[in-house]
Amino acid sequence: MKISVYQLKPAFQRSLQPLLQWLLRSGVHPNHITLGALAICIIYGAALICWPAQKALWIIYPLMMLLRMMLNALDGMLANAAQLRTRLGALLNELCDVLADIAVYLPLVWLLPEHAISLLILLALGMLTEFTGVLAVSVQAARAFDGPMGKSDRAVLFSVLVLLQLAGVSTQVLLWLQILGIALATLTVANRFRSALRAPQTPPDSH
């Protein structure tokens, strides 16, 4: 089962081609983008925690998630285009993704303190999802990206939660959305585990 926002990645990457060409001409290294994206997430997440009552910071949340997805796509695209795929890049990519998740999703506990437990479960399942995807490589299968609650889907879910909270939607609706997210994340872990077991053996992929 691979229904996910991730399926939109090819079209999203095509839209980034002009920026990719500029990066190639500028000589930017993919790892710089990976680390830069993490730095942006940490700074933004810290601002949300320090000033959770600042509505302006939360209004731009979806835009920050879009920026993060754009940078996450560009580092891999640049690594491929410039033939700069390395083991260090692969390790940074996976590690920084998880750290960025913590940085931008944990602050929702300050926005929705009454939902702290469900939000922390969502965050933990997101980390488990990525771990399961990477775990596939340990059995010589391709890195698993199965949905329905992958990295991009989590960005959409948390953005929707923020926007609905700002719009004054009832806490029950927000809770049910989180429960749905937890169910889909659990299914994603199972799908990625199953995909790793069934996939043909492939040399580990890195950049």
N, C-alpha and C. Protein backbone atom coordinates (compact mmCIF):
# COMPACT_ATOMS: atom_id res chain seq x y z
N MET A 1 0.85 -1.19 0.00
CA MET A 1 0.00 0.00 0.00
C MET A 1 0.88 1.24 0.00
N LYS A 2 0.84 2.02 -1.08
CA LYS A 2 1.74 3.14 -1.21
C LYS A 2 0.97 4.43 -1.49
N ILE A 3 -0.25 4.52 -0.99
CA ILE A 3 -1.02 5.75 -1.13
C ILE A 3 -0.47 6.76 -0.15
N SER A 4 0.02 7.88 -0.67
CA SER A 4 0.68 8.85 0.19
C SER A 4 0.89 10.13 -0.59
N VAL A 5 1.04 11.23 0.15
CA VAL A 5 1.44 12.49 -0.48
C VAL A 5 2.77 12.31 -1.19
N TYR A 6 3.56 11.34 -0.73
CA TYR A 6 4.86 11.04 -1.33
C TYR A 6 4.72 10.73 -2.82
N GLN A 7 3.55 10.25 -3.24
CA GLN A 7 3.33 9.94 -4.65
C GLN A 7 3.37 11.20 -5.52
N LEU A 8 3.23 12.36 -4.91
CA LEU A 8 3.30 13.62 -5.66
C LEU A 8 4.74 14.08 -5.86
N LYS A 9 5.70 13.34 -5.32
CA LYS A 9 7.09 13.76 -5.35
C LYS A 9 7.63 14.04 -6.74
N PRO A 10 7.36 13.19 -7.75
CA PRO A 10 7.89 13.49 -9.09
C PRO A 10 7.44 14.85 -9.63
N ALA A 11 6.16 15.17 -9.46
CA ALA A 11 5.66 16.46 -9.93
C ALA A 11 6.28 17.60 -9.13
N PHE A 12 6.43 17.39 -7.83
CA PHE A 12 7.04 18.40 -6.97
C PHE A 12 8.49 18.65 -7.38
N GLN A 13 9.21 17.58 -7.69
CA GLN A 13 10.61 17.71 -8.11
C GLN A 13 10.72 18.44 -9.43
N ARG A 14 9.79 18.20 -10.34
CA ARG A 14 9.82 18.90 -11.62
C ARG A 14 9.67 20.41 -11.42
N SER A 15 8.83 20.79 -10.46
CA SER A 15 8.62 22.21 -10.21
C SER A 15 9.87 22.88 -9.62
N LEU A 16 10.77 22.07 -9.07
CA LEU A 16 11.98 22.60 -8.44
C LEU A 16 13.18 22.63 -9.38
N GLN A 17 12.99 22.22 -10.63
CA GLN A 17 14.11 22.15 -11.56
C GLN A 17 14.84 23.48 -11.76
N PRO A 18 14.13 24.61 -11.89
CA PRO A 18 14.86 25.89 -12.05
C PRO A 18 15.77 26.19 -10.86
N LEU A 19 15.28 25.93 -9.65
CA LEU A 19 16.09 26.15 -8.46
C LEU A 19 17.25 25.18 -8.42
N LEU A 20 17.02 23.95 -8.84
CA LEU A 20 18.08 22.95 -8.87
C LEU A 20 19.21 23.40 -9.80
N GLN A 21 18.84 23.92 -10.97
CA GLN A 21 19.86 24.38 -11.92
C GLN A 21 20.68 25.53 -11.33
N TRP A 22 20.03 26.41 -10.60
CA TRP A 22 20.75 27.51 -9.96
C TRP A 22 21.72 26.99 -8.90
N LEU A 23 21.30 26.00 -8.14
CA LEU A 23 22.16 25.41 -7.12
C LEU A 23 23.36 24.73 -7.75
N LEU A 24 23.15 24.07 -8.88
CA LEU A 24 24.25 23.42 -9.58
C LEU A 24 25.28 24.44 -10.04
N ARG A 25 24.81 25.55 -10.56
CA ARG A 25 25.73 26.60 -11.02
C ARG A 25 26.45 27.26 -9.85
N SER A 26 25.79 27.27 -8.69
CA SER A 26 26.37 27.94 -7.52
C SER A 26 27.37 27.07 -6.77
N GLY A 27 27.41 25.80 -7.09
CA GLY A 27 28.35 24.90 -6.43
C GLY A 27 27.98 24.54 -5.01
N VAL A 28 26.69 24.63 -4.66
CA VAL A 28 26.23 24.27 -3.32
C VAL A 28 26.30 22.75 -3.14
N HIS A 29 26.74 22.30 -1.99
CA HIS A 29 26.83 20.86 -1.70
C HIS A 29 25.51 20.38 -1.10
N PRO A 30 25.04 19.19 -1.47
CA PRO A 30 23.78 18.66 -0.92
C PRO A 30 23.75 18.63 0.60
N ASN A 31 24.88 18.31 1.23
CA ASN A 31 24.91 18.23 2.69
C ASN A 31 24.66 19.59 3.33
N HIS A 32 25.04 20.66 2.65
CA HIS A 32 24.77 22.00 3.17
C HIS A 32 23.27 22.26 3.22
N ILE A 33 22.55 21.76 2.21
CA ILE A 33 21.10 21.93 2.19
C ILE A 33 20.47 21.10 3.31
N THR A 34 20.95 19.87 3.47
CA THR A 34 20.42 18.99 4.53
C THR A 34 20.59 19.64 5.91
N LEU A 35 21.79 20.12 6.18
CA LEU A 35 22.06 20.74 7.47
C LEU A 35 21.35 22.08 7.62
N GLY A 36 21.24 22.81 6.52
CA GLY A 36 20.53 24.08 6.55
C GLY A 36 19.05 23.89 6.87
N ALA A 37 18.45 22.85 6.29
CA ALA A 37 17.04 22.56 6.56
C ALA A 37 16.84 22.23 8.03
N LEU A 38 17.76 21.45 8.60
CA LEU A 38 17.66 21.11 10.03
C LEU A 38 17.79 22.36 10.88
N ALA A 39 18.72 23.23 10.54
CA ALA A 39 18.92 24.46 11.31
C ALA A 39 17.67 25.33 11.29
N ILE A 40 17.05 25.45 10.13
CA ILE A 40 15.81 26.23 10.01
C ILE A 40 14.72 25.65 10.90
N CYS A 41 14.58 24.31 10.88
CA CYS A 41 13.56 23.65 11.69
C CYS A 41 13.81 23.85 13.18
N ILE A 42 15.06 23.75 13.59
CA ILE A 42 15.38 23.92 15.01
C ILE A 42 15.11 25.36 15.46
N ILE A 43 15.51 26.32 14.66
CA ILE A 43 15.29 27.73 15.01
C ILE A 43 13.80 28.03 15.07
N TYR A 44 13.07 27.56 14.07
CA TYR A 44 11.62 27.81 14.03
C TYR A 44 10.91 27.10 15.18
N GLY A 45 11.28 25.85 15.42
CA GLY A 45 10.66 25.10 16.51
C GLY A 45 10.95 25.72 17.87
N ALA A 46 12.18 26.21 18.05
CA ALA A 46 12.52 26.87 19.31
C ALA A 46 11.71 28.14 19.50
N ALA A 47 11.48 28.87 18.41
CA ALA A 47 10.67 30.09 18.49
C ALA A 47 9.23 29.75 18.88
N LEU A 48 8.69 28.66 18.35
CA LEU A 48 7.33 28.25 18.70
C LEU A 48 7.22 27.89 20.18
N ILE A 49 8.24 27.23 20.70
CA ILE A 49 8.23 26.85 22.11
C ILE A 49 8.40 28.07 23.02
N CYS A 50 9.26 28.98 22.61
CA CYS A 50 9.52 30.18 23.44
C CYS A 50 8.35 31.16 23.42
N TRP A 51 7.66 31.24 22.28
CA TRP A 51 6.54 32.19 22.15
C TRP A 51 5.31 31.51 21.57
N PRO A 52 4.77 30.52 22.30
CA PRO A 52 3.62 29.76 21.76
C PRO A 52 2.36 30.59 21.58
N ALA A 53 2.28 31.73 22.24
CA ALA A 53 1.08 32.58 22.12
C ALA A 53 1.14 33.50 20.92
N GLN A 54 2.27 33.54 20.22
CA GLN A 54 2.41 34.41 19.06
C GLN A 54 1.73 33.77 17.84
N LYS A 55 0.55 34.25 17.53
CA LYS A 55 -0.24 33.66 16.45
C LYS A 55 0.47 33.74 15.11
N ALA A 56 1.22 34.81 14.89
CA ALA A 56 1.91 34.99 13.61
C ALA A 56 2.88 33.85 13.33
N LEU A 57 3.52 33.34 14.39
CA LEU A 57 4.46 32.24 14.21
C LEU A 57 3.76 30.97 13.75
N TRP A 58 2.54 30.76 14.24
CA TRP A 58 1.79 29.56 13.87
C TRP A 58 1.14 29.69 12.50
N ILE A 59 0.78 30.90 12.11
CA ILE A 59 0.14 31.10 10.81
C ILE A 59 1.05 30.65 9.67
N ILE A 60 2.35 30.86 9.85
CA ILE A 60 3.28 30.49 8.77
C ILE A 60 3.71 29.02 8.86
N TYR A 61 3.13 28.26 9.79
CA TYR A 61 3.52 26.87 9.97
C TYR A 61 3.44 26.05 8.68
N PRO A 62 2.31 26.10 7.95
CA PRO A 62 2.24 25.32 6.69
C PRO A 62 3.32 25.73 5.69
N LEU A 63 3.63 27.02 5.63
CA LEU A 63 4.67 27.50 4.71
C LEU A 63 6.04 26.97 5.12
N MET A 64 6.28 26.89 6.42
CA MET A 64 7.55 26.34 6.89
C MET A 64 7.65 24.85 6.57
N MET A 65 6.52 24.13 6.67
CA MET A 65 6.53 22.72 6.31
C MET A 65 6.78 22.54 4.82
N LEU A 66 6.22 23.44 4.01
CA LEU A 66 6.46 23.38 2.57
C LEU A 66 7.93 23.66 2.26
N LEU A 67 8.50 24.64 2.95
CA LEU A 67 9.92 24.95 2.77
C LEU A 67 10.77 23.75 3.15
N ARG A 68 10.41 23.10 4.24
CA ARG A 68 11.17 21.93 4.67
C ARG A 68 11.10 20.82 3.62
N MET A 69 9.91 20.57 3.08
CA MET A 69 9.76 19.54 2.05
C MET A 69 10.55 19.89 0.80
N MET A 70 10.57 21.18 0.47
CA MET A 70 11.32 21.63 -0.71
C MET A 70 12.81 21.37 -0.53
N LEU A 71 13.34 21.73 0.63
CA LEU A 71 14.75 21.52 0.90
C LEU A 71 15.09 20.03 0.98
N ASN A 72 14.18 19.24 1.54
CA ASN A 72 14.39 17.79 1.62
C ASN A 72 14.46 17.16 0.24
N ALA A 73 13.66 17.69 -0.68
CA ALA A 73 13.70 17.18 -2.05
C ALA A 73 14.96 17.63 -2.77
N LEU A 74 15.35 18.88 -2.54
CA LEU A 74 16.48 19.45 -3.27
C LEU A 74 17.81 18.79 -2.92
N ASP A 75 17.99 18.39 -1.65
CA ASP A 75 19.29 17.80 -1.33
C ASP A 75 19.53 16.50 -2.11
N GLY A 76 18.49 15.68 -2.21
CA GLY A 76 18.62 14.44 -2.98
C GLY A 76 18.75 14.69 -4.47
N MET A 77 17.96 15.64 -4.97
CA MET A 77 18.04 15.98 -6.40
C MET A 77 19.42 16.50 -6.76
N LEU A 78 19.96 17.34 -5.90
CA LEU A 78 21.29 17.91 -6.15
C LEU A 78 22.37 16.84 -6.06
N ALA A 79 22.23 15.94 -5.11
CA ALA A 79 23.20 14.85 -4.98
C ALA A 79 23.23 14.00 -6.24
N ASN A 80 22.05 13.73 -6.80
CA ASN A 80 21.99 12.94 -8.03
C ASN A 80 22.55 13.70 -9.22
N ALA A 81 22.11 14.96 -9.37
CA ALA A 81 22.50 15.74 -10.54
C ALA A 81 23.99 16.05 -10.56
N ALA A 82 24.57 16.30 -9.39
CA ALA A 82 26.00 16.64 -9.30
C ALA A 82 26.87 15.43 -9.02
N GLN A 83 26.26 14.25 -8.96
CA GLN A 83 26.98 13.01 -8.66
C GLN A 83 27.79 13.14 -7.36
N LEU A 84 27.06 13.58 -6.34
CA LEU A 84 27.68 13.78 -5.02
C LEU A 84 27.03 12.90 -3.96
N ARG A 85 26.61 11.72 -4.36
CA ARG A 85 26.01 10.79 -3.41
C ARG A 85 27.11 10.14 -2.58
N THR A 86 26.99 10.27 -1.26
CA THR A 86 28.00 9.74 -0.36
C THR A 86 27.33 9.06 0.83
N ARG A 87 28.09 8.26 1.55
CA ARG A 87 27.58 7.64 2.77
C ARG A 87 27.25 8.70 3.81
N LEU A 88 28.10 9.72 3.91
CA LEU A 88 27.85 10.79 4.86
C LEU A 88 26.53 11.48 4.55
N GLY A 89 26.28 11.72 3.27
CA GLY A 89 25.04 12.37 2.88
C GLY A 89 23.82 11.54 3.24
N ALA A 90 23.92 10.23 3.03
CA ALA A 90 22.80 9.34 3.36
C ALA A 90 22.53 9.33 4.86
N LEU A 91 23.60 9.27 5.65
CA LEU A 91 23.43 9.27 7.10
C LEU A 91 22.86 10.59 7.60
N LEU A 92 23.38 11.69 7.08
CA LEU A 92 22.87 13.01 7.47
C LEU A 92 21.42 13.16 7.09
N ASN A 93 21.06 12.68 5.92
CA ASN A 93 19.69 12.81 5.43
C ASN A 93 18.70 12.15 6.39
N GLU A 94 19.01 10.92 6.80
CA GLU A 94 18.10 10.19 7.68
C GLU A 94 18.09 10.78 9.09
N LEU A 95 19.26 11.10 9.62
CA LEU A 95 19.35 11.63 10.97
C LEU A 95 18.69 13.01 11.07
N CYS A 96 18.98 13.86 10.11
CA CYS A 96 18.42 15.22 10.14
C CYS A 96 16.91 15.21 9.97
N ASP A 97 16.38 14.27 9.20
CA ASP A 97 14.93 14.17 9.04
C ASP A 97 14.25 13.92 10.38
N VAL A 98 14.80 13.00 11.16
CA VAL A 98 14.20 12.67 12.45
C VAL A 98 14.34 13.84 13.42
N LEU A 99 15.51 14.46 13.45
CA LEU A 99 15.71 15.60 14.34
C LEU A 99 14.81 16.77 13.96
N ALA A 100 14.60 16.98 12.66
CA ALA A 100 13.73 18.05 12.19
C ALA A 100 12.28 17.76 12.57
N ASP A 101 11.88 16.49 12.50
CA ASP A 101 10.53 16.11 12.94
C ASP A 101 10.31 16.54 14.40
N ILE A 102 11.27 16.21 15.24
CA ILE A 102 11.15 16.58 16.65
C ILE A 102 11.06 18.09 16.81
N ALA A 103 11.89 18.80 16.06
CA ALA A 103 11.96 20.26 16.20
C ALA A 103 10.66 20.95 15.81
N VAL A 104 9.99 20.47 14.76
CA VAL A 104 8.80 21.19 14.28
C VAL A 104 7.48 20.60 14.78
N TYR A 105 7.49 19.37 15.26
CA TYR A 105 6.24 18.76 15.72
C TYR A 105 6.07 18.81 17.24
N LEU A 106 7.16 18.72 17.97
CA LEU A 106 7.07 18.79 19.43
C LEU A 106 6.43 20.09 19.92
N PRO A 107 6.66 21.26 19.28
CA PRO A 107 6.05 22.51 19.77
C PRO A 107 4.52 22.49 19.80
N LEU A 108 3.88 21.56 19.07
CA LEU A 108 2.43 21.51 19.12
C LEU A 108 1.92 21.14 20.51
N VAL A 109 2.79 20.52 21.31
CA VAL A 109 2.40 20.22 22.69
C VAL A 109 2.14 21.52 23.45
N TRP A 110 2.85 22.59 23.10
CA TRP A 110 2.64 23.89 23.73
C TRP A 110 1.39 24.58 23.16
N LEU A 111 1.06 24.29 21.90
CA LEU A 111 -0.14 24.86 21.29
C LEU A 111 -1.39 24.14 21.75
N LEU A 112 -1.27 22.81 21.91
CA LEU A 112 -2.41 21.97 22.30
C LEU A 112 -2.04 21.13 23.52
N PRO A 113 -1.83 21.76 24.66
CA PRO A 113 -1.37 21.00 25.84
C PRO A 113 -2.34 19.91 26.28
N GLU A 114 -3.62 20.10 26.00
CA GLU A 114 -4.60 19.09 26.38
C GLU A 114 -4.48 17.82 25.54
N HIS A 115 -3.75 17.91 24.43
CA HIS A 115 -3.55 16.75 23.55
C HIS A 115 -2.10 16.27 23.59
N ALA A 116 -1.40 16.56 24.66
CA ALA A 116 0.03 16.25 24.73
C ALA A 116 0.31 14.76 24.48
N ILE A 117 -0.49 13.89 25.09
CA ILE A 117 -0.23 12.45 24.97
C ILE A 117 -0.39 11.98 23.53
N SER A 118 -1.50 12.34 22.90
CA SER A 118 -1.73 11.89 21.52
C SER A 118 -0.72 12.49 20.56
N LEU A 119 -0.30 13.73 20.80
CA LEU A 119 0.71 14.35 19.94
C LEU A 119 2.06 13.65 20.09
N LEU A 120 2.42 13.29 21.31
CA LEU A 120 3.68 12.59 21.54
C LEU A 120 3.66 11.19 20.93
N ILE A 121 2.48 10.55 20.96
CA ILE A 121 2.35 9.24 20.31
C ILE A 121 2.54 9.38 18.81
N LEU A 122 1.94 10.44 18.24
CA LEU A 122 2.10 10.70 16.81
C LEU A 122 3.56 10.93 16.46
N LEU A 123 4.25 11.70 17.28
CA LEU A 123 5.66 11.99 17.03
C LEU A 123 6.49 10.72 17.13
N ALA A 124 6.22 9.91 18.15
CA ALA A 124 6.97 8.67 18.31
C ALA A 124 6.73 7.72 17.14
N LEU A 125 5.49 7.63 16.68
CA LEU A 125 5.18 6.76 15.55
C LEU A 125 5.83 7.27 14.28
N GLY A 126 5.94 8.59 14.14
CA GLY A 126 6.63 9.15 12.98
C GLY A 126 8.09 8.72 12.97
N MET A 127 8.72 8.76 14.13
CA MET A 127 10.12 8.33 14.23
C MET A 127 10.24 6.83 13.95
N LEU A 128 9.28 6.05 14.46
CA LEU A 128 9.29 4.62 14.21
C LEU A 128 9.08 4.31 12.73
N THR A 129 8.25 5.11 12.08
CA THR A 129 8.01 4.95 10.65
C THR A 129 9.31 5.11 9.87
N GLU A 130 10.06 6.17 10.17
CA GLU A 130 11.32 6.40 9.47
C GLU A 130 12.34 5.32 9.80
N PHE A 131 12.37 4.88 11.05
CA PHE A 131 13.29 3.82 11.44
C PHE A 131 12.99 2.54 10.67
N THR A 132 11.70 2.23 10.54
CA THR A 132 11.31 1.02 9.81
C THR A 132 11.69 1.11 8.35
N GLY A 133 11.54 2.32 7.78
CA GLY A 133 11.93 2.51 6.38
C GLY A 133 13.41 2.27 6.18
N VAL A 134 14.22 2.78 7.09
CA VAL A 134 15.68 2.61 7.00
C VAL A 134 16.07 1.17 7.31
N LEU A 135 15.33 0.54 8.19
CA LEU A 135 15.63 -0.83 8.60
C LEU A 135 15.63 -1.78 7.40
N ALA A 136 14.85 -1.44 6.38
CA ALA A 136 14.79 -2.28 5.19
C ALA A 136 16.18 -2.46 4.57
N VAL A 137 16.98 -1.40 4.65
CA VAL A 137 18.33 -1.47 4.06
C VAL A 137 19.18 -2.52 4.75
N SER A 138 18.92 -2.76 6.03
CA SER A 138 19.72 -3.73 6.78
C SER A 138 19.51 -5.16 6.31
N VAL A 139 18.41 -5.40 5.58
CA VAL A 139 18.16 -6.73 5.01
C VAL A 139 18.32 -6.69 3.50
N GLN A 140 19.13 -5.72 3.02
CA GLN A 140 19.45 -5.58 1.60
C GLN A 140 18.24 -5.32 0.71
N ALA A 141 17.22 -4.68 1.28
CA ALA A 141 16.07 -4.23 0.49
C ALA A 141 16.20 -2.73 0.28
N ALA A 142 15.42 -2.20 -0.65
CA ALA A 142 15.46 -0.76 -0.88
C ALA A 142 14.84 -0.04 0.31
N ARG A 143 15.27 1.17 0.56
CA ARG A 143 14.70 2.01 1.61
C ARG A 143 13.19 2.13 1.38
N ALA A 144 12.39 1.78 2.40
CA ALA A 144 10.93 1.74 2.22
C ALA A 144 10.30 3.12 2.42
N PHE A 145 9.41 3.48 1.50
CA PHE A 145 8.71 4.76 1.59
C PHE A 145 7.19 4.59 1.58
N ASP A 146 6.72 3.38 1.88
CA ASP A 146 5.28 3.12 1.85
C ASP A 146 4.51 4.08 2.75
N GLY A 147 3.26 4.38 2.32
CA GLY A 147 2.37 5.19 3.13
C GLY A 147 1.46 4.29 3.96
N PRO A 148 0.38 4.88 4.44
CA PRO A 148 -0.19 6.18 4.05
C PRO A 148 0.21 7.37 4.92
N MET A 149 1.18 7.22 5.84
CA MET A 149 1.53 8.34 6.71
C MET A 149 3.05 8.49 6.74
N GLY A 150 3.59 8.92 5.60
CA GLY A 150 5.02 9.15 5.50
C GLY A 150 5.38 10.56 5.93
N LYS A 151 6.59 10.96 5.60
CA LYS A 151 7.10 12.26 6.03
C LYS A 151 6.24 13.42 5.53
N SER A 152 5.92 13.40 4.24
CA SER A 152 5.11 14.48 3.67
C SER A 152 3.70 14.49 4.25
N ASP A 153 3.16 13.30 4.47
CA ASP A 153 1.80 13.19 5.03
C ASP A 153 1.74 13.73 6.45
N ARG A 154 2.81 13.49 7.22
CA ARG A 154 2.86 14.03 8.57
C ARG A 154 2.90 15.56 8.55
N ALA A 155 3.63 16.11 7.59
CA ALA A 155 3.70 17.56 7.46
C ALA A 155 2.32 18.15 7.18
N VAL A 156 1.56 17.47 6.33
CA VAL A 156 0.20 17.93 6.02
C VAL A 156 -0.69 17.81 7.25
N LEU A 157 -0.62 16.68 7.94
CA LEU A 157 -1.47 16.46 9.11
C LEU A 157 -1.21 17.50 10.19
N PHE A 158 0.05 17.73 10.53
CA PHE A 158 0.36 18.70 11.58
C PHE A 158 0.01 20.12 11.16
N SER A 159 0.16 20.42 9.87
CA SER A 159 -0.24 21.75 9.38
C SER A 159 -1.74 21.94 9.51
N VAL A 160 -2.50 20.90 9.19
CA VAL A 160 -3.96 20.98 9.31
C VAL A 160 -4.36 21.16 10.77
N LEU A 161 -3.70 20.44 11.67
CA LEU A 161 -4.00 20.59 13.09
C LEU A 161 -3.76 22.02 13.56
N VAL A 162 -2.66 22.61 13.13
CA VAL A 162 -2.36 23.99 13.51
C VAL A 162 -3.41 24.95 12.97
N LEU A 163 -3.73 24.81 11.69
CA LEU A 163 -4.70 25.73 11.07
C LEU A 163 -6.08 25.60 11.70
N LEU A 164 -6.49 24.37 12.00
CA LEU A 164 -7.80 24.16 12.61
C LEU A 164 -7.84 24.74 14.03
N GLN A 165 -6.74 24.59 14.75
CA GLN A 165 -6.67 25.17 16.09
C GLN A 165 -6.77 26.70 16.00
N LEU A 166 -6.08 27.30 15.06
CA LEU A 166 -6.14 28.75 14.90
C LEU A 166 -7.53 29.21 14.48
N ALA A 167 -8.25 28.34 13.76
CA ALA A 167 -9.60 28.67 13.30
C ALA A 167 -10.64 28.45 14.38
N GLY A 168 -10.24 27.88 15.52
CA GLY A 168 -11.16 27.69 16.63
C GLY A 168 -12.01 26.44 16.53
N VAL A 169 -11.55 25.46 15.75
CA VAL A 169 -12.29 24.19 15.63
C VAL A 169 -12.27 23.47 16.98
N SER A 170 -13.33 22.73 17.25
CA SER A 170 -13.47 22.08 18.55
C SER A 170 -12.35 21.09 18.82
N THR A 171 -12.03 20.94 20.09
CA THR A 171 -10.95 20.06 20.51
C THR A 171 -11.24 18.60 20.17
N GLN A 172 -12.55 18.25 20.10
CA GLN A 172 -12.90 16.86 19.75
C GLN A 172 -12.49 16.54 18.32
N VAL A 173 -12.70 17.49 17.41
CA VAL A 173 -12.31 17.28 16.01
C VAL A 173 -10.81 17.10 15.90
N LEU A 174 -10.06 17.92 16.62
CA LEU A 174 -8.61 17.82 16.60
C LEU A 174 -8.15 16.47 17.15
N LEU A 175 -8.82 16.01 18.20
CA LEU A 175 -8.45 14.72 18.78
C LEU A 175 -8.70 13.58 17.80
N TRP A 176 -9.86 13.61 17.13
CA TRP A 176 -10.16 12.55 16.17
C TRP A 176 -9.19 12.55 14.99
N LEU A 177 -8.73 13.72 14.58
CA LEU A 177 -7.73 13.80 13.52
C LEU A 177 -6.42 13.15 13.98
N GLN A 178 -6.08 13.37 15.23
CA GLN A 178 -4.86 12.76 15.76
C GLN A 178 -5.01 11.25 15.87
N ILE A 179 -6.17 10.80 16.28
CA ILE A 179 -6.42 9.36 16.36
C ILE A 179 -6.32 8.73 14.97
N LEU A 180 -6.87 9.42 13.98
CA LEU A 180 -6.75 8.94 12.60
C LEU A 180 -5.29 8.89 12.18
N GLY A 181 -4.53 9.93 12.54
CA GLY A 181 -3.11 9.96 12.21
C GLY A 181 -2.36 8.82 12.87
N ILE A 182 -2.69 8.52 14.12
CA ILE A 182 -2.05 7.42 14.84
C ILE A 182 -2.34 6.09 14.16
N ALA A 183 -3.59 5.91 13.75
CA ALA A 183 -3.97 4.66 13.06
C ALA A 183 -3.22 4.52 11.73
N LEU A 184 -3.15 5.60 10.98
CA LEU A 184 -2.48 5.56 9.68
C LEU A 184 -0.97 5.39 9.84
N ALA A 185 -0.41 6.00 10.88
CA ALA A 185 1.02 5.84 11.14
C ALA A 185 1.35 4.39 11.52
N THR A 186 0.48 3.79 12.32
CA THR A 186 0.67 2.39 12.70
C THR A 186 0.61 1.49 11.47
N LEU A 187 -0.34 1.78 10.58
CA LEU A 187 -0.46 1.03 9.34
C LEU A 187 0.79 1.22 8.47
N THR A 188 1.33 2.41 8.48
CA THR A 188 2.53 2.70 7.69
C THR A 188 3.72 1.88 8.17
N VAL A 189 3.89 1.79 9.48
CA VAL A 189 4.97 0.98 10.03
C VAL A 189 4.82 -0.47 9.55
N ALA A 190 3.59 -0.98 9.61
CA ALA A 190 3.34 -2.36 9.17
C ALA A 190 3.62 -2.52 7.68
N ASN A 191 3.20 -1.54 6.89
CA ASN A 191 3.41 -1.60 5.44
C ASN A 191 4.89 -1.59 5.09
N ARG A 192 5.66 -0.75 5.77
CA ARG A 192 7.08 -0.66 5.48
C ARG A 192 7.82 -1.93 5.92
N PHE A 193 7.39 -2.48 7.04
CA PHE A 193 7.98 -3.73 7.51
C PHE A 193 7.70 -4.85 6.51
N ARG A 194 6.44 -4.91 6.06
CA ARG A 194 6.04 -5.94 5.10
C ARG A 194 6.76 -5.74 3.76
N SER A 195 6.91 -4.48 3.35
CA SER A 195 7.59 -4.17 2.10
C SER A 195 9.04 -4.62 2.14
N ALA A 196 9.69 -4.43 3.29
CA ALA A 196 11.09 -4.84 3.43
C ALA A 196 11.24 -6.35 3.33
N LEU A 197 10.27 -7.06 3.88
CA LEU A 197 10.33 -8.52 3.84
C LEU A 197 10.11 -9.07 2.44
N ARG A 198 9.30 -8.38 1.65
CA ARG A 198 8.92 -8.89 0.32
C ARG A 198 9.81 -8.38 -0.80
N ALA A 199 10.55 -7.30 -0.55
CA ALA A 199 11.32 -6.67 -1.62
C ALA A 199 12.51 -7.51 -2.03
N PRO A 200 12.89 -7.46 -3.32
CA PRO A 200 14.13 -8.12 -3.74
C PRO A 200 15.33 -7.42 -3.15
N GLN A 201 16.39 -8.15 -2.94
CA GLN A 201 17.58 -7.56 -2.33
C GLN A 201 18.20 -6.54 -3.28
N THR A 202 18.56 -5.39 -2.71
CA THR A 202 19.11 -4.28 -3.47
C THR A 202 20.30 -3.70 -2.73
N PRO A 203 21.35 -3.32 -3.43
CA PRO A 203 22.48 -2.67 -2.75
C PRO A 203 22.00 -1.41 -2.03
N PRO A 204 22.52 -1.12 -0.82
CA PRO A 204 22.12 0.07 -0.08
C PRO A 204 22.28 1.32 -0.92
N ASP A 205 21.27 2.23 -0.84
CA ASP A 205 21.26 3.48 -1.59
C ASP A 205 21.74 4.59 -0.69
N SER A 206 22.57 5.47 -1.19
CA SER A 206 23.07 6.57 -0.37
C SER A 206 23.29 7.79 -1.22
N HIS A 207 23.41 8.95 -0.54
CA HIS A 207 23.81 10.17 -1.25
C HIS A 207 24.59 11.06 -0.31
